[in-house]
């Protein structure tokens, strides 16, 4: 159980280095034959030219440029192998055949419906590496058609090996990662760049406009903080926060917060580069599809070995979350926090969901799964996750979809089954794609627009399929100051705990009760007491302090029922329970 009473002492412990950056430059569609974002710059690197050709196969080409007259050879590696889902021998991985063999189509062969996917299909980034052509001025170029979307690329200069082993990829100096300040990275290093390509509807390319630069842009910054025990870097670590356009540090309603993790081998800047997070958030906020929120992206690498990511989890809960809630205008309520991650970050999401469910209201697992020992979830897990927003997604063709990854987890498909078998509502989203950013950008949008901070589509009923609810004829009698009370929904026992109707009890002692239907939350005010209880959560909050419940509050016949001991704690009144006589005596005098 985590109590937040005095967690504001961390500020003095945390060293913060912040550089504020605009996340991406502006790109506008151009008329046919005119380049988009065409800027001629002297030096090692020239911005890629995105040209609307109006010609097959996609209506757009991109010319990548790199200036280096001394190089003998320059190659480009780009996120543009494609597959045709309808022509695959199997549409999705299965336990018997987990790896879907893809066609490895190049951009010239692109047709509507084709998807970017590594070739050979694997969890590795198996993308094509192509030689660039040098002109008389030392500019190396490569031109290719591309459909709409975000594409990651990097350069190899004078690489002597055929498979690029032993060679270090470099980002485009004129499309450098936002965290690269004049060649000096803030925190972790990124070795790739991104280009966004608009859509030409005449060629039936899916319009991923929401991945392109928005008119109003949020802000990215980079922070270094004290992280005792972290190994690389030693005793410190990094995180990147995104603040939405027009972020207001004194807005009366604090912002919700999404904590978002990269995958194995990644770092705190992955989502804001390869993931195009800044653009995605800006656009979804601009059209009102999601509410403005803070996004915090920690570096999940460099921790000492621990069981089920415990070292990371404790650092997040003990250091990062308190720092964010002390220094930003964000809600401190668990219902206003979400956690999501991809691949390794999906397993981290699961670790928090199963070990610290009281810390977050929403969990989004992308391309990850549950460790084998959690395939069958306990009743305690089921109770603690009731009412949470849970999302599980991956690509159908992801090699880990059906069988997981080594002994780390058993895959997202089986996780959905585990949750359903435990009676836990889940939103599963599976799309054509592999283990790559093309899929994760789409899944992030789906998590934000369908689950995180959204009203949940499930009826939070009395959970009778999961609990032993006793509503026998021997009814429980309630007496308030000696006078017998009558309620439309009488008290019941659930797994041995007595539950009473919250509104009836609280209003009988002149408390004000309000109900927020979108989040299934009850708010109670009585004198100096402010109480918040969300259905099916294991904790409630009294004046901001967490109170553990013997049973979560739940709906029975449309009435919010809460454990008797919570009433006593919340209102500081005397309550006695005579089990043999089945009588509750409440005294307010």
Protein backbone atom coordinates (compact mmCIF):
# COMPACT_ATOMS: atom_id res chain seq x y z
CA UNK A 1 0.00 0.00 0.00
CA UNK A 2 1.47 3.37 -1.00
CA UNK A 3 0.53 6.43 1.05
CA UNK A 4 1.30 9.81 -0.44
CA UNK A 5 1.12 11.87 2.73
CA UNK A 6 4.65 13.30 2.80
CA UNK A 7 6.15 12.68 -0.61
CA UNK A 8 7.17 16.22 -1.37
CA UNK A 9 10.70 15.96 0.04
CA UNK A 10 12.16 14.71 -3.22
CA UNK A 11 12.68 18.03 -4.90
CA UNK A 12 15.89 18.69 -2.99
CA UNK A 13 17.18 15.27 -3.97
CA UNK A 14 16.70 15.70 -7.69
CA UNK A 15 19.11 17.47 -10.00
CA UNK A 16 17.21 18.71 -13.02
CA UNK A 17 18.70 19.91 -16.29
CA UNK A 18 16.01 21.17 -18.61
CA UNK A 19 16.28 22.29 -22.20
CA UNK A 20 13.00 23.31 -23.76
CA UNK A 21 12.52 22.40 -27.38
CA UNK A 22 9.78 22.66 -29.96
CA UNK A 23 9.26 19.02 -30.91
CA UNK A 24 9.05 19.17 -34.70
CA UNK A 25 9.24 21.64 -37.57
CA UNK A 26 6.30 22.66 -39.70
CA UNK A 27 5.53 20.73 -42.87
CA UNK A 28 2.80 21.73 -45.29
CA UNK A 29 1.57 19.89 -48.37
CA UNK A 30 2.87 21.33 -51.61
CA UNK A 31 1.44 21.53 -55.08
CA UNK A 32 2.35 18.83 -57.59
CA UNK A 33 6.05 18.79 -58.37
CA UNK A 34 7.01 21.31 -55.64
CA UNK A 35 9.13 20.05 -52.75
CA UNK A 36 7.87 20.17 -49.17
CA UNK A 37 10.27 21.29 -46.43
CA UNK A 38 13.03 21.82 -48.99
CA UNK A 39 15.82 23.75 -47.31
CA UNK A 40 19.33 24.01 -48.73
CA UNK A 41 21.85 24.11 -45.90
CA UNK A 42 25.62 24.07 -46.13
CA UNK A 43 27.47 21.43 -44.16
CA UNK A 44 27.15 17.75 -43.43
CA UNK A 45 23.47 17.22 -43.97
CA UNK A 46 20.72 18.57 -46.17
CA UNK A 47 17.07 18.33 -45.27
CA UNK A 48 15.15 15.59 -47.06
CA UNK A 49 12.90 16.82 -49.84
CA UNK A 50 9.31 15.55 -49.76
CA UNK A 51 7.82 16.05 -53.23
CA UNK A 52 4.20 15.70 -54.31
CA UNK A 53 4.60 14.10 -57.73
CA UNK A 54 1.00 13.05 -58.32
CA UNK A 55 2.41 9.88 -59.86
CA UNK A 56 2.24 6.20 -58.98
CA UNK A 57 2.72 4.36 -56.78
CA UNK A 58 2.01 6.74 -53.86
CA UNK A 59 1.86 10.29 -55.22
CA UNK A 60 4.91 11.33 -53.17
CA UNK A 61 8.65 10.81 -53.25
CA UNK A 62 11.29 11.62 -50.67
CA UNK A 63 14.84 12.58 -51.61
CA UNK A 64 17.30 12.03 -48.77
CA UNK A 65 20.55 14.04 -48.91
CA UNK A 66 23.83 13.89 -47.08
CA UNK A 67 26.82 16.17 -47.77
CA UNK A 68 30.22 14.56 -47.31
CA UNK A 69 32.69 14.97 -50.22
CA UNK A 70 35.34 12.94 -48.37
CA UNK A 71 33.26 9.79 -47.98
CA UNK A 72 33.90 6.79 -50.19
CA UNK A 73 30.48 5.31 -49.59
CA UNK A 74 27.26 6.46 -47.89
CA UNK A 75 24.30 4.15 -47.29
CA UNK A 76 20.83 4.82 -45.98
CA UNK A 77 18.79 2.44 -43.83
CA UNK A 78 15.07 3.20 -43.90
CA UNK A 79 11.83 1.93 -42.40
CA UNK A 80 10.40 0.89 -45.77
CA UNK A 81 10.11 -2.80 -46.43
CA UNK A 82 6.44 -3.59 -47.04
CA UNK A 83 4.09 -6.59 -46.94
CA UNK A 84 0.73 -7.26 -48.61
CA UNK A 85 -1.46 -8.76 -45.85
CA UNK A 86 -4.00 -10.28 -48.24
CA UNK A 87 -1.27 -12.25 -50.02
CA UNK A 88 0.42 -13.68 -46.92
CA UNK A 89 0.33 -17.46 -46.46
CA UNK A 90 -0.98 -16.83 -42.91
CA UNK A 91 -2.46 -13.61 -41.61
CA UNK A 92 -1.22 -13.89 -38.03
CA UNK A 93 1.32 -15.76 -35.96
CA UNK A 94 0.16 -18.91 -34.21
CA UNK A 95 1.79 -21.14 -31.56
CA UNK A 96 2.56 -23.65 -34.30
CA UNK A 97 3.92 -21.06 -36.75
CA UNK A 98 4.74 -17.86 -34.82
CA UNK A 99 6.77 -16.14 -37.55
CA UNK A 100 4.73 -14.90 -40.50
CA UNK A 101 6.89 -14.88 -43.64
CA UNK A 102 6.54 -11.48 -45.31
CA UNK A 103 7.31 -10.50 -48.91
CA UNK A 104 9.90 -7.77 -48.34
CA UNK A 105 8.37 -5.46 -50.96
CA UNK A 106 10.26 -2.27 -51.78
CA UNK A 107 8.57 1.13 -52.15
CA UNK A 108 8.45 0.95 -55.97
CA UNK A 109 6.17 -2.09 -55.60
CA UNK A 110 3.87 -0.50 -53.01
CA UNK A 111 0.12 -0.96 -53.49
CA UNK A 112 -2.88 0.22 -51.42
CA UNK A 113 -3.22 -1.87 -48.28
CA UNK A 114 0.49 -2.65 -47.98
CA UNK A 115 2.03 -2.17 -44.53
CA UNK A 116 5.59 -1.39 -43.39
CA UNK A 117 7.09 -4.51 -41.79
CA UNK A 118 10.63 -5.78 -41.30
CA UNK A 119 12.03 -8.41 -43.66
CA UNK A 120 12.91 -11.06 -42.67
CA UNK A 121 10.11 -10.70 -40.15
CA UNK A 122 11.56 -10.62 -36.63
CA UNK A 123 11.64 -8.50 -33.50
CA UNK A 124 14.79 -6.88 -34.95
CA UNK A 125 14.67 -3.78 -37.17
CA UNK A 126 15.42 -5.58 -40.45
CA UNK A 127 15.05 -2.66 -42.85
CA UNK A 128 16.66 -2.22 -46.29
CA UNK A 129 20.12 -0.64 -46.55
CA UNK A 130 20.73 1.10 -49.87
CA UNK A 131 23.71 2.86 -51.43
CA UNK A 132 23.29 6.59 -52.04
CA UNK A 133 24.60 8.36 -55.15
CA UNK A 134 27.20 11.15 -54.94
CA UNK A 135 27.11 14.23 -57.18
CA UNK A 136 29.96 16.58 -58.19
CA UNK A 137 29.49 18.75 -55.07
CA UNK A 138 29.82 15.90 -52.59
CA UNK A 139 26.07 15.54 -51.93
CA UNK A 140 24.87 11.96 -51.57
CA UNK A 141 21.22 11.39 -52.51
CA UNK A 142 18.62 8.65 -52.56
CA UNK A 143 15.04 9.11 -53.85
CA UNK A 144 12.17 6.73 -53.16
CA UNK A 145 8.37 6.83 -53.27
CA UNK A 146 6.68 6.49 -49.89
CA UNK A 147 3.07 6.34 -48.70
CA UNK A 148 1.72 8.53 -45.92
CA UNK A 149 3.24 8.20 -42.47
CA UNK A 150 6.35 8.63 -40.36
CA UNK A 151 9.50 6.91 -41.56
CA UNK A 152 12.72 6.48 -39.58
CA UNK A 153 16.08 6.45 -41.34
CA UNK A 154 19.80 6.69 -40.61
CA UNK A 155 23.09 6.86 -42.53
CA UNK A 156 26.18 4.64 -42.64
CA UNK A 157 29.39 6.32 -43.79
CA UNK A 158 32.20 4.16 -45.21
CA UNK A 159 30.90 0.98 -43.64
CA UNK A 160 33.12 -1.91 -44.72
CA UNK A 161 30.86 -4.83 -43.73
CA UNK A 162 28.07 -6.19 -45.90
CA UNK A 163 25.62 -6.48 -42.99
CA UNK A 164 26.68 -3.19 -41.29
CA UNK A 165 28.07 -5.13 -38.31
CA UNK A 166 30.63 -3.05 -36.45
CA UNK A 167 29.35 0.16 -38.06
CA UNK A 168 27.51 2.88 -36.17
CA UNK A 169 24.43 4.44 -37.77
CA UNK A 170 24.16 8.22 -37.56
CA UNK A 171 21.21 10.54 -37.63
CA UNK A 172 20.67 13.15 -40.32
CA UNK A 173 22.53 16.31 -39.20
CA UNK A 174 19.77 18.47 -40.70
CA UNK A 175 16.97 16.35 -39.23
CA UNK A 176 18.74 15.64 -35.97
CA UNK A 177 16.80 14.39 -32.94
CA UNK A 178 15.34 17.30 -30.95
CA UNK A 179 17.49 16.23 -27.98
CA UNK A 180 20.70 16.63 -30.00
CA UNK A 181 22.06 20.10 -29.21
CA UNK A 182 24.74 20.99 -31.75
CA UNK A 183 26.02 17.44 -31.82
CA UNK A 184 25.85 17.00 -28.05
CA UNK A 185 22.94 14.80 -26.95
CA UNK A 186 20.87 15.49 -23.87
CA UNK A 187 20.91 12.20 -21.99
CA UNK A 188 20.70 9.12 -24.18
CA UNK A 189 21.82 9.09 -27.81
CA UNK A 190 19.54 8.70 -30.83
CA UNK A 191 21.11 7.43 -34.06
CA UNK A 192 18.19 7.97 -36.41
CA UNK A 193 15.98 10.70 -37.88
CA UNK A 194 12.39 10.83 -39.10
CA UNK A 195 10.53 12.23 -42.08
CA UNK A 196 6.76 12.65 -42.40
CA UNK A 197 5.03 12.02 -45.74
CA UNK A 198 1.50 13.38 -46.42
CA UNK A 199 -1.21 11.39 -48.21
CA UNK A 200 -2.38 11.66 -51.81
CA UNK A 201 -5.96 10.28 -51.81
CA UNK A 202 -5.70 9.59 -55.55
CA UNK A 203 -3.44 6.65 -54.74
CA UNK A 204 -5.45 5.31 -51.77
CA UNK A 205 -2.72 5.78 -49.21
CA UNK A 206 -4.01 5.74 -45.63
CA UNK A 207 -3.88 9.33 -44.39
CA UNK A 208 -1.72 9.44 -41.28
CA UNK A 209 -2.08 13.22 -41.01
CA UNK A 210 -2.18 12.91 -37.20
CA UNK A 211 1.52 11.94 -37.25
CA UNK A 212 2.53 15.16 -39.02
CA UNK A 213 3.38 18.54 -37.45
CA UNK A 214 0.43 20.43 -36.00
CA UNK A 215 -0.18 24.16 -36.10
CA UNK A 216 0.01 24.42 -32.30
CA UNK A 217 2.81 22.42 -30.76
CA UNK A 218 3.50 21.26 -27.25
CA UNK A 219 6.90 21.37 -25.59
CA UNK A 220 9.50 18.71 -24.88
CA UNK A 221 12.17 19.04 -22.22
CA UNK A 222 14.87 16.77 -20.85
CA UNK A 223 15.51 16.15 -17.15
CA UNK A 224 18.28 14.47 -15.20
CA UNK A 225 17.27 13.37 -11.70
CA UNK A 226 18.80 11.58 -8.73
CA UNK A 227 18.16 7.83 -8.94
CA UNK A 228 20.07 6.01 -6.18
CA UNK A 229 21.18 2.57 -7.32
CA UNK A 230 20.76 3.23 -11.01
CA UNK A 231 23.80 1.81 -12.77
CA UNK A 232 24.10 3.54 -16.16
CA UNK A 233 24.34 6.44 -15.62
CA UNK A 234 25.39 5.89 -12.02
CA UNK A 235 22.89 7.04 -9.36
CA UNK A 236 21.05 9.31 -11.76
CA UNK A 237 18.69 8.87 -14.67
CA UNK A 238 16.64 10.73 -17.28
CA UNK A 239 13.08 11.40 -18.26
CA UNK A 240 11.43 13.50 -20.97
CA UNK A 241 8.15 15.30 -20.23
CA UNK A 242 5.77 16.57 -22.92
CA UNK A 243 3.54 19.48 -21.98
CA UNK A 244 0.55 20.23 -24.24
CA UNK A 245 0.06 23.40 -26.28
CA UNK A 246 -0.94 26.32 -24.05
CA UNK A 247 -0.02 24.38 -20.93
CA UNK A 248 -1.25 26.40 -17.95
CA UNK A 249 0.74 25.89 -14.72
CA UNK A 250 -2.07 27.45 -12.66
CA UNK A 251 -5.10 25.99 -14.43
CA UNK A 252 -7.77 25.25 -11.77
CA UNK A 253 -8.26 21.72 -13.12
CA UNK A 254 -4.94 19.86 -13.00
CA UNK A 255 -3.88 17.83 -16.02
CA UNK A 256 -3.92 14.02 -16.22
CA UNK A 257 -0.58 12.28 -16.78
CA UNK A 258 0.43 9.46 -19.10
CA UNK A 259 3.65 7.66 -18.17
CA UNK A 260 5.03 6.03 -21.31
CA UNK A 261 7.86 3.51 -21.67
CA UNK A 262 10.10 2.57 -24.58
CA UNK A 263 11.17 -1.00 -25.36
CA UNK A 264 14.30 -3.05 -24.74
CA UNK A 265 17.51 -1.30 -25.77
CA UNK A 266 15.69 2.03 -26.12
CA UNK A 267 15.77 5.21 -24.09
CA UNK A 268 13.78 8.20 -22.87
CA UNK A 269 13.78 9.95 -26.28
CA UNK A 270 12.47 7.01 -28.37
CA UNK A 271 8.81 8.02 -28.22
CA UNK A 272 9.57 11.64 -29.12
CA UNK A 273 11.66 10.67 -32.15
CA UNK A 274 10.74 7.31 -33.71
CA UNK A 275 7.34 7.40 -32.02
CA UNK A 276 6.39 10.93 -33.24
CA UNK A 277 4.71 11.44 -29.88
CA UNK A 278 4.81 15.25 -30.03
CA UNK A 279 2.94 15.34 -33.33
CA UNK A 280 0.44 12.68 -32.29
CA UNK A 281 -0.42 14.44 -29.03
CA UNK A 282 -0.61 17.89 -30.64
CA UNK A 283 -3.00 16.71 -33.35
CA UNK A 284 -5.30 14.63 -31.16
CA UNK A 285 -5.56 17.48 -28.67
CA UNK A 286 -6.18 20.02 -31.45
CA UNK A 287 -9.23 18.15 -32.77
CA UNK A 288 -10.58 17.47 -29.28
CA UNK A 289 -10.24 13.70 -29.55
CA UNK A 290 -8.24 13.60 -26.31
CA UNK A 291 -7.92 16.08 -23.48
CA UNK A 292 -4.69 18.00 -22.91
CA UNK A 293 -2.35 15.98 -20.72
CA UNK A 294 1.23 15.64 -19.61
CA UNK A 295 3.24 12.72 -20.98
CA UNK A 296 6.30 11.55 -19.03
CA UNK A 297 8.79 9.23 -20.75
CA UNK A 298 11.38 7.77 -18.35
CA UNK A 299 14.57 5.97 -19.33
CA UNK A 300 13.87 2.34 -18.42
CA UNK A 301 17.41 1.13 -19.20
CA UNK A 302 20.42 0.89 -16.89
CA UNK A 303 18.73 -0.47 -13.75
CA UNK A 304 20.23 -3.25 -11.64
CA UNK A 305 18.74 -6.69 -12.11
CA UNK A 306 15.52 -7.14 -10.16
CA UNK A 307 12.48 -9.41 -10.12
CA UNK A 308 9.73 -8.32 -12.50
CA UNK A 309 11.20 -4.81 -12.97
CA UNK A 310 10.92 -3.95 -9.28
CA UNK A 311 13.90 -1.54 -9.40
CA UNK A 312 12.25 0.49 -12.16
CA UNK A 313 8.83 0.37 -10.52
CA UNK A 314 10.11 1.71 -7.20
CA UNK A 315 12.10 4.48 -8.88
CA UNK A 316 9.01 5.55 -10.81
CA UNK A 317 6.75 5.51 -7.75
CA UNK A 318 9.21 6.90 -5.22
CA UNK A 319 11.06 9.48 -7.35
CA UNK A 320 9.58 10.32 -10.75
CA UNK A 321 5.86 10.56 -9.93
CA UNK A 322 6.41 12.72 -6.80
CA UNK A 323 8.72 15.01 -8.79
CA UNK A 324 6.19 15.42 -11.60
CA UNK A 325 3.35 16.09 -9.17
CA UNK A 326 5.43 18.61 -7.26
CA UNK A 327 6.69 20.54 -10.29
CA UNK A 328 3.83 20.35 -12.79
CA UNK A 329 0.15 21.19 -12.59
CA UNK A 330 -1.03 17.58 -12.70
CA UNK A 331 -3.59 15.65 -10.69
CA UNK A 332 -2.32 13.56 -7.81
CA UNK A 333 -5.24 11.17 -8.07
CA UNK A 334 -4.52 7.65 -9.36
CA UNK A 335 -7.57 7.81 -11.62
CA UNK A 336 -5.81 10.62 -13.50
CA UNK A 337 -2.67 8.57 -14.18
CA UNK A 338 -2.10 6.07 -16.99
CA UNK A 339 0.87 3.87 -17.79
CA UNK A 340 1.71 2.34 -21.14
CA UNK A 341 4.71 0.88 -22.90
CA UNK A 342 5.88 -1.18 -25.86
CA UNK A 343 7.68 -4.54 -25.88
CA UNK A 344 9.82 -4.47 -22.70
CA UNK A 345 7.75 -1.43 -21.73
CA UNK A 346 4.63 -3.58 -22.12
CA UNK A 347 6.02 -6.04 -19.57
CA UNK A 348 6.84 -3.12 -17.27
CA UNK A 349 3.23 -1.99 -17.66
CA UNK A 350 2.14 -5.44 -16.56
CA UNK A 351 4.46 -5.32 -13.54
CA UNK A 352 2.86 -2.10 -12.35
CA UNK A 353 -0.64 -3.36 -13.12
CA UNK A 354 -0.18 -6.51 -11.05
CA UNK A 355 1.98 -5.17 -8.21
CA UNK A 356 0.85 -1.54 -7.86
CA UNK A 357 -2.66 -1.32 -9.35
CA UNK A 358 -3.61 1.43 -6.88
CA UNK A 359 -1.15 3.85 -8.54
CA UNK A 360 -2.87 4.10 -11.96
CA UNK A 361 -6.34 4.10 -13.44
CA UNK A 362 -5.33 2.86 -16.89
CA UNK A 363 -2.81 0.40 -18.30
CA UNK A 364 -1.83 -0.02 -21.96
CA UNK A 365 0.28 -3.03 -22.98
CA UNK A 366 1.78 -2.90 -26.49
CA UNK A 367 3.60 -5.90 -27.96
CA UNK A 368 4.27 -7.43 -24.57
CA UNK A 369 2.69 -10.05 -22.36
CA UNK A 370 2.44 -11.53 -18.90
CA UNK A 371 5.30 -13.58 -17.45
CA UNK A 372 4.40 -17.32 -17.44
CA UNK A 373 3.80 -17.42 -13.68
CA UNK A 374 0.96 -14.91 -14.11
CA UNK A 375 -0.96 -16.72 -16.83
CA UNK A 376 -3.66 -17.56 -14.30
CA UNK A 377 -4.52 -14.42 -12.34
CA UNK A 378 -5.49 -14.67 -8.68
CA UNK A 379 -8.71 -13.43 -7.10
CA UNK A 380 -6.67 -10.67 -5.48
CA UNK A 381 -5.50 -9.47 -8.91
CA UNK A 382 -9.03 -9.65 -10.23
CA UNK A 383 -10.38 -7.56 -7.36
CA UNK A 384 -7.60 -4.98 -7.57
CA UNK A 385 -8.10 -4.49 -11.32
CA UNK A 386 -11.86 -4.16 -11.27
CA UNK A 387 -12.81 -0.86 -12.84
CA UNK A 388 -9.40 -0.22 -14.40
CA UNK A 389 -9.08 0.68 -18.06
CA UNK A 390 -6.93 -2.08 -19.61
CA UNK A 391 -5.66 -2.16 -23.19
CA UNK A 392 -3.66 -4.92 -24.91
CA UNK A 393 -2.44 -4.48 -28.48
CA UNK A 394 0.09 -5.73 -31.01
CA UNK A 395 0.59 -6.49 -34.68
CA UNK A 396 -1.00 -9.67 -36.02
CA UNK A 397 2.30 -10.52 -37.70
CA UNK A 398 4.51 -9.70 -34.71
CA UNK A 399 6.61 -12.84 -33.98
CA UNK A 400 5.79 -12.49 -30.26
CA UNK A 401 2.02 -12.19 -30.84
CA UNK A 402 1.16 -15.83 -30.13
CA UNK A 403 4.17 -17.24 -28.27
CA UNK A 404 5.83 -14.36 -26.46
CA UNK A 405 9.55 -13.72 -26.19
CA UNK A 406 11.89 -16.33 -24.66
CA UNK A 407 10.97 -16.80 -21.00
CA UNK A 408 10.12 -13.11 -20.49
CA UNK A 409 6.43 -13.30 -21.39
CA UNK A 410 3.94 -15.45 -23.26
CA UNK A 411 2.61 -12.86 -25.69
CA UNK A 412 -0.26 -10.37 -26.00
CA UNK A 413 -2.76 -12.84 -27.47
CA UNK A 414 -2.58 -15.11 -24.43
CA UNK A 415 -2.64 -12.11 -22.09
CA UNK A 416 -6.03 -11.17 -23.47
CA UNK A 417 -7.22 -14.71 -22.71
CA UNK A 418 -5.80 -14.55 -19.17
CA UNK A 419 -7.64 -11.30 -18.44
CA UNK A 420 -10.92 -12.55 -19.91
CA UNK A 421 -10.65 -15.85 -18.04
CA UNK A 422 -10.21 -13.89 -14.81
CA UNK A 423 -13.30 -11.81 -15.56
CA UNK A 424 -11.29 -8.62 -16.09
CA UNK A 425 -12.58 -6.34 -18.89
CA UNK A 426 -9.96 -5.59 -21.53
CA UNK A 427 -9.86 -3.66 -24.80
CA UNK A 428 -7.83 -5.75 -27.30
CA UNK A 429 -6.54 -4.05 -30.46
CA UNK A 430 -4.64 -6.12 -33.03
CA UNK A 431 -3.68 -4.68 -36.40
CA UNK A 432 -1.66 -5.79 -39.42
CA UNK A 433 2.00 -5.16 -38.62
CA UNK A 434 5.08 -6.47 -36.89
CA UNK A 435 7.30 -5.52 -33.97
CA UNK A 436 7.91 -1.94 -35.06
CA UNK A 437 7.09 1.73 -34.66
CA UNK A 438 4.50 1.71 -37.45
CA UNK A 439 2.34 -0.44 -35.14
CA UNK A 440 3.18 1.35 -31.89
CA UNK A 441 2.29 4.80 -33.21
CA UNK A 442 -1.15 3.49 -34.16
CA UNK A 443 -1.59 1.65 -30.87
CA UNK A 444 -0.70 4.78 -28.90
CA UNK A 445 -3.47 6.65 -30.69
CA UNK A 446 -5.91 3.82 -30.02
CA UNK A 447 -4.99 3.63 -26.33
CA UNK A 448 -5.46 7.37 -25.89
CA UNK A 449 -8.72 7.63 -27.83
CA UNK A 450 -10.35 4.42 -26.62
CA UNK A 451 -9.13 3.72 -23.09
CA UNK A 452 -6.87 6.20 -21.27
CA UNK A 453 -8.94 8.84 -19.44
CA UNK A 454 -11.98 7.75 -21.43
CA UNK A 455 -15.29 6.50 -19.98
CA UNK A 456 -15.08 2.74 -19.80
CA UNK A 457 -17.57 0.79 -21.95
CA UNK A 458 -18.31 -1.83 -19.34
CA UNK A 459 -21.11 -1.91 -16.79
CA UNK A 460 -19.47 -1.98 -13.37
CA UNK A 461 -21.99 -4.37 -11.88
CA UNK A 462 -22.03 -6.20 -8.58
CA UNK A 463 -19.34 -8.69 -9.70
CA UNK A 464 -21.46 -11.60 -8.48
CA UNK A 465 -19.59 -13.91 -10.83
CA UNK A 466 -16.40 -13.20 -8.88
CA UNK A 467 -17.59 -12.78 -5.28
CA UNK A 468 -19.73 -14.65 -2.78
CA UNK A 469 -22.58 -12.15 -2.27
CA UNK A 470 -24.97 -13.09 0.57
CA UNK A 471 -28.43 -11.51 0.25
CA UNK A 472 -30.23 -14.17 2.26
CA UNK A 473 -33.65 -13.74 3.78
CA UNK A 474 -32.08 -13.09 7.18
CA UNK A 475 -31.70 -9.38 6.44
CA UNK A 476 -29.20 -7.13 8.17
CA UNK A 477 -30.76 -4.45 10.38
CA UNK A 478 -29.25 -0.96 10.55
CA UNK A 479 -29.95 1.34 13.49
CA UNK A 480 -28.91 5.00 13.47
CA UNK A 481 -28.82 6.48 16.97
CA UNK A 482 -31.17 3.69 18.02
CA UNK A 483 -33.69 4.21 15.20
CA UNK A 484 -34.07 1.42 12.63
CA UNK A 485 -33.29 2.47 9.04
CA UNK A 486 -34.82 1.12 5.83
CA UNK A 487 -32.92 1.19 2.53
CA UNK A 488 -34.02 0.30 -1.00
CA UNK A 489 -30.90 -1.91 -1.22
CA UNK A 490 -30.31 -3.61 2.15
CA UNK A 491 -26.80 -4.31 3.45
CA UNK A 492 -25.13 -7.49 2.19
CA UNK A 493 -22.04 -9.53 2.96
CA UNK A 494 -19.43 -9.98 0.21
CA UNK A 495 -16.71 -12.53 0.86
CA UNK A 496 -17.41 -12.10 4.58
CA UNK A 497 -17.33 -8.27 4.59
CA UNK A 498 -20.48 -6.25 5.34
CA UNK A 499 -21.35 -3.72 2.65
CA UNK A 500 -23.85 -0.91 3.18
CA UNK A 501 -25.42 1.64 0.81
CA UNK A 502 -23.06 4.62 0.72
CA UNK A 503 -25.48 7.38 -0.27
CA UNK A 504 -28.17 6.35 2.22
CA UNK A 505 -25.71 6.17 5.12
CA UNK A 506 -23.85 9.39 4.29
CA UNK A 507 -26.96 11.44 3.60
CA UNK A 508 -28.51 10.22 6.86
CA UNK A 509 -25.70 12.08 8.66
CA UNK A 510 -26.12 15.23 6.48
CA UNK A 511 -23.17 14.65 4.15
CA UNK A 512 -23.23 15.94 0.55
CA UNK A 513 -22.88 13.12 -2.00
CA UNK A 514 -22.21 13.59 -5.72
CA UNK A 515 -21.72 10.98 -8.46
CA UNK A 516 -19.44 11.28 -11.50
CA UNK A 517 -20.79 8.78 -14.00
CA UNK A 518 -17.95 8.95 -16.53
CA UNK A 519 -15.40 7.69 -14.00
CA UNK A 520 -17.80 5.83 -11.67
CA UNK A 521 -16.59 7.95 -8.76
CA UNK A 522 -18.45 9.08 -5.61
CA UNK A 523 -17.46 12.37 -3.95
CA UNK A 524 -18.56 13.11 -0.38
CA UNK A 525 -18.21 16.34 1.60
CA UNK A 526 -19.03 16.65 5.29
CA UNK A 527 -17.52 19.48 7.27
CA UNK A 528 -13.76 19.31 6.79
CA UNK A 529 -13.95 15.80 5.34
CA UNK A 530 -13.48 15.33 1.59
CA UNK A 531 -13.94 11.73 0.49
CA UNK A 532 -13.41 10.17 -2.92
CA UNK A 533 -14.30 6.57 -3.76
CA UNK A 534 -14.14 4.99 -7.20
CA UNK A 535 -16.04 1.79 -7.81
CA UNK A 536 -14.06 -1.44 -7.83
CA UNK A 537 -10.88 0.18 -6.55
CA UNK A 538 -9.04 -1.30 -3.54
CA UNK A 539 -8.48 2.13 -1.98
CA UNK A 540 -10.48 5.29 -1.30
CA UNK A 541 -9.19 8.75 -0.35
CA UNK A 542 -10.07 10.79 2.73
CA UNK A 543 -8.67 14.33 2.55
CA UNK A 544 -6.20 13.04 -0.05
CA UNK A 545 -4.90 10.16 2.10
CA UNK A 546 -5.31 6.61 0.83
CA UNK A 547 -7.51 4.29 2.88
CA UNK A 548 -7.36 0.58 2.09
CA UNK A 549 -10.75 -1.08 1.71
CA UNK A 550 -11.61 -4.56 2.97
CA UNK A 551 -13.72 -4.82 -0.18
CA UNK A 552 -13.86 -2.43 -3.16
CA UNK A 553 -16.99 -0.36 -3.50
CA UNK A 554 -19.38 -1.91 -6.03
CA UNK A 555 -22.79 -1.48 -7.61
CA UNK A 556 -25.55 -3.81 -6.42
CA UNK A 557 -28.96 -3.24 -7.97
CA UNK A 558 -27.84 0.24 -8.98
CA UNK A 559 -26.70 1.24 -5.48
CA UNK A 560 -23.11 2.01 -4.48
CA UNK A 561 -22.20 -0.38 -1.69
CA UNK A 562 -19.13 0.12 0.53
CA UNK A 563 -17.58 -1.83 3.40
CA UNK A 564 -18.81 -0.95 6.86
CA UNK A 565 -15.34 -0.23 8.24
CA UNK A 566 -14.84 2.46 5.59
CA UNK A 567 -17.90 4.37 6.82
CA UNK A 568 -16.43 4.38 10.32
CA UNK A 569 -13.01 5.63 9.16
CA UNK A 570 -14.38 8.19 6.72
CA UNK A 571 -16.82 9.85 9.13
CA UNK A 572 -15.11 9.27 12.48
CA UNK A 573 -18.31 7.81 13.89
CA UNK A 574 -18.88 4.81 16.11
CA UNK A 575 -20.16 1.67 14.41
CA UNK A 576 -20.72 -1.74 15.92
CA UNK A 577 -21.60 -4.97 14.12
CA UNK A 578 -23.40 -7.76 15.91
CA UNK A 579 -22.81 -10.71 13.63
CA UNK A 580 -25.07 -13.16 15.44
CA UNK A 581 -27.97 -10.71 15.52
CA UNK A 582 -27.10 -9.31 12.07
CA UNK A 583 -27.46 -5.79 13.41
CA UNK A 584 -25.43 -2.67 12.63
CA UNK A 585 -25.55 0.11 15.22
CA UNK A 586 -24.37 3.58 14.12
CA UNK A 587 -23.93 6.34 16.66
CA UNK A 588 -23.25 9.97 15.75
CA UNK A 589 -23.80 11.35 19.26
